C-alpha atoms as a PDB file:
ATOM      1  CA  MET A   1       0.000   0.000   0.000  1.00  0.00           C
ATOM      2  CA  MET A   2       1.258   3.468  -0.907  1.00  0.00           C
ATOM      3  CA  ILE A   3       2.370   5.632   2.015  1.00  0.00           C
ATOM      4  CA  THR A   4       0.709   9.043   2.099  1.00  0.00           C
ATOM      5  CA  THR A   5       3.238  11.889   2.092  1.00  0.00           C
ATOM      6  CA  VAL A   6       2.208  14.918   4.130  1.00  0.00           C
ATOM      7  CA  LEU A   7       3.947  18.283   4.351  1.00  0.00           C
ATOM      8  CA  ILE A   8       3.452  20.171   7.639  1.00  0.00           C
ATOM      9  CA  ILE A   9       4.182  23.902   7.364  1.00  0.00           C
ATOM     10  CA  GLU A  10       4.189  25.135  10.938  1.00  0.00           C
ATOM     11  CA  ASP A  11       6.600  27.342  12.896  1.00  0.00           C
ATOM     12  CA  GLU A  12       5.644  26.074  16.371  1.00  0.00           C
ATOM     13  CA  ALA A  13       7.731  23.007  17.204  1.00  0.00           C
ATOM     14  CA  GLU A  14       5.332  21.635  19.810  1.00  0.00           C
ATOM     15  CA  ILE A  15       2.402  21.620  17.382  1.00  0.00           C
ATOM     16  CA  ALA A  16       4.535  20.172  14.607  1.00  0.00           C
ATOM     17  CA  ASP A  17       5.812  17.372  16.855  1.00  0.00           C
ATOM     18  CA  THR A  18       2.245  16.429  17.786  1.00  0.00           C
ATOM     19  CA  LEU A  19       1.233  16.221  14.138  1.00  0.00           C
ATOM     20  CA  LEU A  20       4.363  14.299  13.174  1.00  0.00           C
ATOM     21  CA  TYR A  21       3.672  11.689  15.848  1.00  0.00           C
ATOM     22  CA  ALA A  22      -0.031  11.334  15.031  1.00  0.00           C
ATOM     23  CA  LEU A  23       0.447  11.051  11.269  1.00  0.00           C
ATOM     24  CA  THR A  24       3.368   8.641  11.564  1.00  0.00           C
ATOM     25  CA  ALA A  25       1.374   6.443  13.970  1.00  0.00           C
ATOM     26  CA  GLU A  26      -1.308   6.161  11.283  1.00  0.00           C
ATOM     27  CA  GLY A  27       1.158   4.944   8.662  1.00  0.00           C
ATOM     28  CA  MET A  28       1.696   8.254   6.866  1.00  0.00           C
ATOM     29  CA  HIS A  29       5.009   9.877   6.007  1.00  0.00           C
ATOM     30  CA  PRO A  30       5.024  13.467   7.303  1.00  0.00           C
ATOM     31  CA  THR A  31       7.721  16.085   6.761  1.00  0.00           C
ATOM     32  CA  TRP A  32       7.973  19.302   8.760  1.00  0.00           C
ATOM     33  CA  VAL A  33       9.206  22.684   7.577  1.00  0.00           C
ATOM     34  CA  MET A  34       9.010  25.939   9.525  1.00  0.00           C
ATOM     35  CA  ASP A  35       8.532  28.603   6.841  1.00  0.00           C
ATOM     36  CA  ALA A  36       7.217  29.373   3.365  1.00  0.00           C
ATOM     37  CA  LYS A  37      10.616  29.354   1.658  1.00  0.00           C
ATOM     38  CA  SER A  38      11.438  25.859   2.938  1.00  0.00           C
ATOM     39  CA  ALA A  39       7.982  24.649   1.942  1.00  0.00           C
ATOM     40  CA  LEU A  40       8.416  25.749  -1.678  1.00  0.00           C
ATOM     41  CA  VAL A  41      11.867  24.155  -1.856  1.00  0.00           C
ATOM     42  CA  HIS A  42      10.447  20.899  -0.491  1.00  0.00           C
ATOM     43  CA  LEU A  43       7.515  20.854  -2.901  1.00  0.00           C
ATOM     44  CA  ALA A  44       9.818  21.449  -5.874  1.00  0.00           C
ATOM     45  CA  SER A  45      11.836  18.351  -5.059  1.00  0.00           C
ATOM     46  CA  THR A  46       9.510  15.956  -3.230  1.00  0.00           C
ATOM     47  CA  PRO A  47       6.142  14.500  -4.305  1.00  0.00           C
ATOM     48  CA  THR A  48       3.549  15.543  -1.732  1.00  0.00           C
ATOM     49  CA  GLU A  49      -0.027  14.309  -1.375  1.00  0.00           C
ATOM     50  CA  PHE A  50      -1.327  16.537   1.409  1.00  0.00           C
ATOM     51  CA  ILE A  51      -0.425  19.835   3.062  1.00  0.00           C
ATOM     52  CA  ILE A  52      -1.168  21.029   6.587  1.00  0.00           C
ATOM     53  CA  LEU A  53      -0.534  24.775   6.556  1.00  0.00           C
ATOM     54  CA  ASP A  54      -0.473  27.218   9.452  1.00  0.00           C
ATOM     55  CA  VAL A  55      -1.945  30.620   8.673  1.00  0.00           C
ATOM     56  CA  GLY A  56       0.743  32.496  10.614  1.00  0.00           C
ATOM     57  CA  LEU A  57       4.274  31.844   9.347  1.00  0.00           C
ATOM     58  CA  PRO A  58       7.436  33.850  10.121  1.00  0.00           C
ATOM     59  CA  ASP A  59       8.241  34.793   6.527  1.00  0.00           C
ATOM     60  CA  ALA A  60       4.855  34.913   4.775  1.00  0.00           C
ATOM     61  CA  SER A  61       1.105  34.748   5.196  1.00  0.00           C
ATOM     62  CA  GLY A  62      -0.207  31.213   5.019  1.00  0.00           C
ATOM     63  CA  PHE A  63      -2.933  32.484   2.685  1.00  0.00           C
ATOM     64  CA  GLU A  64      -0.424  33.951   0.235  1.00  0.00           C
ATOM     65  CA  LEU A  65       1.688  30.801   0.374  1.00  0.00           C
ATOM     66  CA  PHE A  66      -1.411  28.736  -0.369  1.00  0.00           C
ATOM     67  CA  LYS A  67      -2.165  30.854  -3.458  1.00  0.00           C
ATOM     68  CA  THR A  68       1.431  30.438  -4.663  1.00  0.00           C
ATOM     69  CA  ILE A  69       1.291  26.672  -4.163  1.00  0.00           C
ATOM     70  CA  ARG A  70      -2.031  26.378  -6.015  1.00  0.00           C
ATOM     71  CA  GLN A  71      -0.533  28.089  -9.053  1.00  0.00           C
ATOM     72  CA  GLN A  72       1.805  25.117  -9.494  1.00  0.00           C
ATOM     73  CA  TYR A  73       0.342  22.180  -7.578  1.00  0.00           C
ATOM     74  CA  ASP A  74      -3.105  20.723  -7.001  1.00  0.00           C
ATOM     75  CA  ILE A  75      -2.540  19.361  -3.507  1.00  0.00           C
ATOM     76  CA  PRO A  76      -5.337  19.040  -0.907  1.00  0.00           C
ATOM     77  CA  THR A  77      -4.649  21.507   1.888  1.00  0.00           C
ATOM     78  CA  MET A  78      -5.842  21.968   5.465  1.00  0.00           C
ATOM     79  CA  PHE A  79      -5.296  25.249   7.305  1.00  0.00           C
ATOM     80  CA  LEU A  80      -4.412  25.513  10.980  1.00  0.00           C
ATOM     81  CA  THR A  81      -5.867  28.625  12.606  1.00  0.00           C
ATOM     82  CA  ALA A  82      -6.114  30.131  16.076  1.00  0.00           C
ATOM     83  CA  ARG A  83      -9.442  29.600  17.835  1.00  0.00           C
ATOM     84  CA  SER A  84     -10.120  33.332  18.223  1.00  0.00           C
ATOM     85  CA  GLU A  85      -9.459  34.216  14.589  1.00  0.00           C
ATOM     86  CA  GLU A  86     -12.770  33.439  12.882  1.00  0.00           C
ATOM     87  CA  ILE A  87     -11.838  35.573   9.893  1.00  0.00           C
ATOM     88  CA  ASP A  88      -8.886  33.255   9.175  1.00  0.00           C
ATOM     89  CA  ARG A  89     -11.214  30.297   8.833  1.00  0.00           C
ATOM     90  CA  ILE A  90     -13.563  32.171   6.522  1.00  0.00           C
ATOM     91  CA  VAL A  91     -10.772  33.463   4.267  1.00  0.00           C
ATOM     92  CA  GLY A  92      -9.146  30.031   4.117  1.00  0.00           C
ATOM     93  CA  LEU A  93     -12.331  28.427   2.858  1.00  0.00           C
ATOM     94  CA  GLU A  94     -13.035  31.276   0.471  1.00  0.00           C
ATOM     95  CA  ILE A  95      -9.695  30.912  -1.335  1.00  0.00           C
ATOM     96  CA  GLY A  96     -10.185  27.181  -1.828  1.00  0.00           C
ATOM     97  CA  ALA A  97      -8.735  25.283   1.131  1.00  0.00           C
ATOM     98  CA  ASP A  98     -10.204  21.835   1.668  1.00  0.00           C
ATOM     99  CA  ASP A  99     -10.624  22.192   5.421  1.00  0.00           C
ATOM    100  CA  TYR A 100      -9.419  24.002   8.520  1.00  0.00           C
ATOM    101  CA  VAL A 101      -8.710  23.020  12.098  1.00  0.00           C
ATOM    102  CA  THR A 102      -8.617  25.410  15.031  1.00  0.00           C
ATOM    103  CA  LYS A 103      -5.960  25.369  17.737  1.00  0.00           C
ATOM    104  CA  PRO A 104      -5.876  23.605  20.106  1.00  0.00           C
ATOM    105  CA  PHE A 105      -6.927  20.511  18.185  1.00  0.00           C
ATOM    106  CA  SER A 106      -7.231  16.777  18.597  1.00  0.00           C
ATOM    107  CA  PRO A 107      -4.452  14.964  16.667  1.00  0.00           C
ATOM    108  CA  ARG A 108      -6.836  12.061  16.014  1.00  0.00           C
ATOM    109  CA  GLU A 109      -9.372  14.449  14.498  1.00  0.00           C
ATOM    110  CA  VAL A 110      -6.725  15.924  12.217  1.00  0.00           C
ATOM    111  CA  VAL A 111      -5.713  12.462  10.993  1.00  0.00           C
ATOM    112  CA  ALA A 112      -9.358  11.527  10.372  1.00  0.00           C
ATOM    113  CA  ARG A 113      -9.930  14.696   8.404  1.00  0.00           C
ATOM    114  CA  VAL A 114      -6.797  14.167   6.337  1.00  0.00           C
ATOM    115  CA  ARG A 115      -7.936  10.653   5.449  1.00  0.00           C
ATOM    116  CA  ASN A 116     -11.445  11.812   4.513  1.00  0.00           C
ATOM    117  CA  ILE A 117     -10.172  14.607   2.286  1.00  0.00           C
ATOM    118  CA  LEU A 118      -7.669  12.299   0.571  1.00  0.00           C
ATOM    119  CA  LYS A 119     -10.397   9.739  -0.031  1.00  0.00           C
ATOM    120  CA  ARG A 120     -12.640  12.327  -1.692  1.00  0.00           C
ATOM    121  CA  SER A 121      -9.740  13.772  -3.665  1.00  0.00           C
ATOM    122  CA  GLN A 122      -8.640  10.375  -4.955  1.00  0.00           C
ATOM    123  CA  THR A 123     -12.197   9.527  -5.967  1.00  0.00           C
ATOM    124  CA  MET A 124     -12.427  12.703  -8.020  1.00  0.00           C
ATOM    125  CA  ASP A 125      -8.946  12.272  -9.533  1.00  0.00           C
ATOM    126  CA  ASN A 126      -9.696   8.705 -10.628  1.00  0.00           C
ATOM    127  CA  ALA A 127     -13.043   9.586 -12.155  1.00  0.00           C
ATOM    128  CA  PRO A 128     -13.067   9.121 -15.946  1.00  0.00           C
ATOM    129  CA  GLU A 129     -13.852  12.048 -18.200  1.00  0.00           C
ATOM    130  CA  LEU A 130     -17.464  12.205 -19.300  1.00  0.00           C
ATOM    131  CA  SER A 131     -17.909  12.305 -23.064  1.00  0.00           C
ATOM    132  CA  THR A 132     -20.570  14.467 -24.679  1.00  0.00           C
ATOM    133  CA  GLN A 133     -22.289  11.290 -25.844  1.00  0.00           C
ATOM    134  CA  ALA A 134     -22.342   9.862 -22.312  1.00  0.00           C
ATOM    135  CA  VAL A 135     -23.766  13.087 -20.965  1.00  0.00           C
ATOM    136  CA  SER A 136     -26.513  13.117 -23.595  1.00  0.00           C
ATOM    137  CA  GLN A 137     -27.421   9.503 -22.907  1.00  0.00           C
ATOM    138  CA  ALA A 138     -27.576  10.104 -19.171  1.00  0.00           C
ATOM    139  CA  MET A 139     -29.770  13.153 -19.604  1.00  0.00           C
ATOM    140  CA  ALA A 140     -32.083  11.260 -21.912  1.00  0.00           C
ATOM    141  CA  ALA A 141     -32.481   8.592 -19.246  1.00  0.00           C
ATOM    142  CA  SER A 142     -33.402  11.115 -16.554  1.00  0.00           C
ATOM    143  CA  ASP A 143     -36.933  11.288 -15.197  1.00  0.00           C
ATOM    144  CA  GLU A 144     -39.494  13.710 -16.608  1.00  0.00           C
ATOM    145  CA  GLY A 145     -38.967  16.292 -13.874  1.00  0.00           C
ATOM    146  CA  SER A 146     -35.250  16.683 -14.437  1.00  0.00           C
ATOM    147  CA  LYS A 147     -34.514  15.722 -18.041  1.00  0.00           C
ATOM    148  CA  ASN A 148     -34.236  19.349 -19.164  1.00  0.00           C
ATOM    149  CA  THR A 149     -31.571  20.258 -16.634  1.00  0.00           C
ATOM    150  CA  PRO A 150     -28.238  21.402 -18.079  1.00  0.00           C
ATOM    151  CA  PHE A 151     -26.445  19.547 -15.282  1.00  0.00           C
ATOM    152  CA  LEU A 152     -25.377  15.938 -14.942  1.00  0.00           C
ATOM    153  CA  LEU A 153     -24.530  14.897 -11.381  1.00  0.00           C
ATOM    154  CA  ASP A 154     -22.540  11.712 -10.778  1.00  0.00           C
ATOM    155  CA  GLU A 155     -22.404  11.222  -7.009  1.00  0.00           C
ATOM    156  CA  GLN A 156     -20.395   8.008  -7.217  1.00  0.00           C
ATOM    157  CA  LEU A 157     -17.573   9.684  -9.114  1.00  0.00           C
ATOM    158  CA  MET A 158     -18.167  13.071  -7.462  1.00  0.00           C
ATOM    159  CA  LYS A 159     -18.332  14.864 -10.809  1.00  0.00           C
ATOM    160  CA  ILE A 160     -20.695  17.418 -12.289  1.00  0.00           C
ATOM    161  CA  ALA A 161     -21.053  18.218 -15.972  1.00  0.00           C
ATOM    162  CA  TYR A 162     -22.715  21.385 -17.281  1.00  0.00           C
ATOM    163  CA  ARG A 163     -23.984  21.403 -20.859  1.00  0.00           C
ATOM    164  CA  GLY A 164     -21.697  18.494 -21.665  1.00  0.00           C
ATOM    165  CA  HIS A 165     -18.588  19.984 -20.080  1.00  0.00           C
ATOM    166  CA  ASP A 166     -16.974  18.639 -16.920  1.00  0.00           C
ATOM    167  CA  LEU A 167     -16.655  21.301 -14.225  1.00  0.00           C
ATOM    168  CA  ALA A 168     -13.371  21.719 -12.349  1.00  0.00           C
ATOM    169  CA  LEU A 169     -14.708  22.209  -8.828  1.00  0.00           C
ATOM    170  CA  THR A 170     -13.243  22.415  -5.370  1.00  0.00           C
ATOM    171  CA  ARG A 171     -14.685  20.098  -2.732  1.00  0.00           C
ATOM    172  CA  SER A 172     -16.858  22.872  -1.313  1.00  0.00           C
ATOM    173  CA  GLU A 173     -18.117  23.928  -4.747  1.00  0.00           C
ATOM    174  CA  TYR A 174     -19.012  20.339  -5.607  1.00  0.00           C
ATOM    175  CA  LEU A 175     -20.987  19.825  -2.394  1.00  0.00           C
ATOM    176  CA  LEU A 176     -22.748  23.167  -2.779  1.00  0.00           C
ATOM    177  CA  LEU A 177     -23.744  22.709  -6.405  1.00  0.00           C
ATOM    178  CA  SER A 178     -24.747  19.069  -5.961  1.00  0.00           C
ATOM    179  CA  THR A 179     -27.107  20.117  -3.153  1.00  0.00           C
ATOM    180  CA  LEU A 180     -28.822  22.625  -5.443  1.00  0.00           C
ATOM    181  CA  ILE A 181     -29.022  20.103  -8.293  1.00  0.00           C
ATOM    182  CA  LYS A 182     -30.694  17.414  -6.188  1.00  0.00           C
ATOM    183  CA  TYR A 183     -33.610  19.687  -5.292  1.00  0.00           C
ATOM    184  CA  PRO A 184     -33.754  22.306  -8.069  1.00  0.00           C
ATOM    185  CA  LYS A 185     -37.046  23.880  -6.948  1.00  0.00           C
ATOM    186  CA  ARG A 186     -36.034  24.280  -3.330  1.00  0.00           C
ATOM    187  CA  ILE A 187     -34.757  27.602  -1.994  1.00  0.00           C
ATOM    188  CA  TYR A 188     -31.881  27.064   0.447  1.00  0.00           C
ATOM    189  CA  SER A 189     -30.871  29.628   3.023  1.00  0.00           C
ATOM    190  CA  ARG A 190     -27.163  30.327   3.392  1.00  0.00           C
ATOM    191  CA  ARG A 191     -27.121  28.544   6.753  1.00  0.00           C
ATOM    192  CA  GLN A 192     -28.750  25.443   5.253  1.00  0.00           C
ATOM    193  CA  LEU A 193     -26.129  25.351   2.512  1.00  0.00           C
ATOM    194  CA  ILE A 194     -23.320  25.744   5.047  1.00  0.00           C
ATOM    195  CA  GLU A 195     -24.647  22.706   6.921  1.00  0.00           C
ATOM    196  CA  GLN A 196     -24.599  20.708   3.683  1.00  0.00           C
ATOM    197  CA  VAL A 197     -21.026  21.673   2.805  1.00  0.00           C
ATOM    198  CA  TRP A 198     -19.351  21.658   6.224  1.00  0.00           C
ATOM    199  CA  THR A 199     -20.457  18.795   8.452  1.00  0.00           C
ATOM    200  CA  SER A 200     -18.456  20.264  11.347  1.00  0.00           C
ATOM    201  CA  ASN A 201     -16.695  23.521  12.239  1.00  0.00           C
ATOM    202  CA  HIS A 202     -19.335  25.555  10.416  1.00  0.00           C
ATOM    203  CA  PRO A 203     -18.198  29.068   9.436  1.00  0.00           C
ATOM    204  CA  SER A 204     -20.130  31.575  11.510  1.00  0.00           C
ATOM    205  CA  ASP A 205     -20.263  34.101   8.659  1.00  0.00           C
ATOM    206  CA  ASP A 206     -22.919  33.029   6.162  1.00  0.00           C
ATOM    207  CA  ARG A 207     -21.328  35.203   3.494  1.00  0.00           C
ATOM    208  CA  VAL A 208     -18.815  32.464   2.765  1.00  0.00           C
ATOM    209  CA  ILE A 209     -21.623  30.888   0.705  1.00  0.00           C
ATOM    210  CA  ASP A 210     -21.866  34.051  -1.419  1.00  0.00           C
ATOM    211  CA  THR A 211     -18.184  33.710  -2.297  1.00  0.00           C
ATOM    212  CA  HIS A 212     -18.602  30.105  -3.436  1.00  0.00           C
ATOM    213  CA  ILE A 213     -21.738  30.968  -5.421  1.00  0.00           C
ATOM    214  CA  LYS A 214     -19.812  33.752  -7.175  1.00  0.00           C
ATOM    215  CA  SER A 215     -17.040  31.313  -8.082  1.00  0.00           C
ATOM    216  CA  LEU A 216     -19.547  28.750  -9.377  1.00  0.00           C
ATOM    217  CA  ARG A 217     -21.305  31.349 -11.504  1.00  0.00           C
ATOM    218  CA  GLN A 218     -18.017  32.366 -13.089  1.00  0.00           C
ATOM    219  CA  LYS A 219     -17.250  28.752 -14.011  1.00  0.00           C
ATOM    220  CA  LEU A 220     -20.743  28.213 -15.428  1.00  0.00           C
ATOM    221  CA  LYS A 221     -20.619  31.505 -17.328  1.00  0.00           C
ATOM    222  CA  SER A 222     -17.376  30.440 -19.031  1.00  0.00           C
ATOM    223  CA  ILE A 223     -19.390  27.620 -20.624  1.00  0.00           C
ATOM    224  CA  ASP A 224     -22.657  29.450 -21.328  1.00  0.00           C
ATOM    225  CA  ALA A 225     -22.579  33.214 -20.871  1.00  0.00           C
ATOM    226  CA  ASP A 226     -26.312  33.600 -21.518  1.00  0.00           C
ATOM    227  CA  ASP A 227     -27.583  31.169 -18.901  1.00  0.00           C
ATOM    228  CA  ILE A 228     -28.049  32.039 -15.213  1.00  0.00           C
ATOM    229  CA  PRO A 229     -28.717  28.653 -13.583  1.00  0.00           C
ATOM    230  CA  ILE A 230     -28.190  29.736  -9.957  1.00  0.00           C
ATOM    231  CA  VAL A 231     -30.879  32.147  -8.804  1.00  0.00           C
ATOM    232  CA  THR A 232     -30.590  34.573  -5.875  1.00  0.00           C
ATOM    233  CA  HIS A 233     -33.726  34.973  -3.760  1.00  0.00           C
ATOM    234  CA  ARG A 234     -33.043  38.165  -1.840  1.00  0.00           C
ATOM    235  CA  GLY A 235     -33.663  37.770   1.852  1.00  0.00           C
ATOM    236  CA  PHE A 236     -33.980  33.983   1.493  1.00  0.00           C
ATOM    237  CA  GLY A 237     -31.075  32.278  -0.275  1.00  0.00           C
ATOM    238  CA  TYR A 238     -30.354  30.392  -3.495  1.00  0.00           C
ATOM    239  CA  SER A 239     -31.893  27.820  -5.825  1.00  0.00           C
ATOM    240  CA  LEU A 240     -31.423  26.486  -9.319  1.00  0.00           C
ATOM    241  CA  ALA A 241     -33.466  28.122 -12.042  1.00  0.00           C
ATOM    242  CA  SER A 242     -36.600  26.089 -12.743  1.00  0.00           C
END
């Protein structure tokens, strides 16, 4: 069985040691670096399957480092944030992180979250591309109430196609859009959507949903600029266009 390689970017030795012990005990292969510069050097030379990234680093913002990493690598990433800094958690999710954990944390919880994210990521990576013919056939086989939808949702492969084109979605975007697709006539409040996307550690600021909706709309618009499939119901929430 392949050993999962994890990069820990954390400047506090005590926290890093705890993570190193917990991940190693679960059969993973963690490496610890203390700053952004060392992290980039490591990533350039060593295959890495997961990143645990502290928001506060001595030589750079964890958010800025994350953006730099994402320009070159598509590696699932979990942020570590201080309990009192709610804004850190919101920003981390908004820019595309897969999860966040607040300090102090349970090492066992971190390991469980890493495994869950890797499992979802590997499922999506191994999913075959959907051909236009396959999309058309699947839509034709849909029931009467949903056969005219421009979306094709494959929950087993965790993929969504829009007008025959596969969408490149983050985990949060996939969960958000799939929720809307399943019940296209239902209006979801922001809080209801948060509960669908984040099963724990819910962001307290509902506006994080607005950011993800904006990102989804941009991706959909790049395929069909004339369609507006996600509808805003002011004062209520969002739904798919009927």
